[in-house]
Amino acid sequence: MDFNTYAAEKMVEVRLADLRAAGARAALLASARVGPRGVGPAVGGALIRLGRWLAPGEVVAAPNAGVRVAR
């Protein structure tokens, strides 16, 4: 059975075009992502740290926050 190099080259060409398009989409999505969301999360994190600093012995970690887990 003969190996058709033209057909193989065309299949590779189509596959590379698909991969390049997927890479371009991924790069576009990565460039559209926003970094930190602004002042709100920074202030929230600062308030949480302040609360932990002001009441270090008052922090009680509730396991699973009271959620029952089926076992």
Protein backbone atom coordinates (compact mmCIF):
# COMPACT_ATOMS: atom_id res chain seq x y z
CA MET A 1 0.00 0.00 0.00
CA ASP A 2 1.40 3.37 -0.99
CA PHE A 3 1.81 6.15 1.52
CA ASN A 4 0.33 9.32 0.12
CA THR A 5 2.61 12.11 1.34
CA TYR A 6 0.41 14.82 -0.16
CA ALA A 7 -2.59 13.65 1.86
CA ALA A 8 -0.47 13.36 5.01
CA GLU A 9 0.89 16.89 4.51
CA LYS A 10 -2.64 18.23 4.09
CA MET A 11 -3.82 16.47 7.26
CA VAL A 12 -0.86 17.90 9.17
CA GLU A 13 -1.54 21.34 7.70
CA VAL A 14 -5.17 21.25 8.87
CA ARG A 15 -4.16 20.00 12.32
CA LEU A 16 -1.55 22.75 12.71
CA ALA A 17 -4.09 25.37 11.65
CA ASP A 18 -6.51 24.07 14.30
CA LEU A 19 -3.81 24.12 16.97
CA ARG A 20 -2.73 27.64 16.01
CA ALA A 21 -6.34 28.85 16.19
CA ALA A 22 -6.78 27.23 19.60
CA GLY A 23 -3.56 28.87 20.80
CA ALA A 24 -4.72 32.25 19.54
CA ARG A 25 -8.04 31.83 21.37
CA ALA A 26 -6.25 30.85 24.57
CA ALA A 27 -3.91 33.84 24.30
CA LEU A 28 -6.88 36.16 23.72
CA LEU A 29 -8.67 34.79 26.77
CA ALA A 30 -5.53 35.10 28.89
CA SER A 31 -5.07 38.72 27.85
CA ALA A 32 -8.72 39.49 28.66
CA ARG A 33 -8.44 38.22 32.23
CA VAL A 34 -8.50 40.92 34.82
CA GLY A 35 -6.00 40.90 37.64
CA PRO A 36 -7.05 41.95 41.12
CA ARG A 37 -10.66 43.10 41.21
CA GLY A 38 -10.00 46.40 42.92
CA VAL A 39 -10.28 47.95 46.33
CA GLY A 40 -13.12 45.80 47.71
CA PRO A 41 -11.22 42.52 48.04
CA ALA A 42 -8.18 44.35 49.41
CA VAL A 43 -10.27 46.07 52.07
CA GLY A 44 -12.02 42.80 52.91
CA GLY A 45 -8.72 40.99 53.34
CA ALA A 46 -7.38 43.82 55.47
CA LEU A 47 -10.47 43.71 57.71
CA ILE A 48 -10.11 39.95 58.16
CA ARG A 49 -6.43 40.34 59.10
CA LEU A 50 -7.31 43.19 61.48
CA GLY A 51 -9.96 41.06 63.16
CA ARG A 52 -7.53 38.19 63.59
CA TRP A 53 -4.94 40.58 65.03
CA LEU A 54 -7.39 42.17 67.47
CA ALA A 55 -8.82 38.88 68.74
CA PRO A 56 -6.14 36.21 68.28
CA GLY A 57 -7.59 33.82 70.89
CA GLU A 58 -11.20 34.18 69.70
CA VAL A 59 -10.79 32.51 66.32
CA VAL A 60 -12.41 29.10 66.39
CA ALA A 61 -12.24 26.95 63.30
CA ALA A 62 -15.46 25.01 62.90
CA PRO A 63 -14.81 21.75 61.06
CA ASN A 64 -16.83 21.80 57.84
CA ALA A 65 -18.69 24.86 59.20
CA GLY A 66 -21.39 22.61 60.61
CA VAL A 67 -22.02 20.80 57.32
CA ARG A 68 -22.66 17.09 57.72
CA VAL A 69 -20.75 14.84 55.36
CA ALA A 70 -22.18 11.49 54.29
CA ARG A 71 -19.75 8.68 54.88
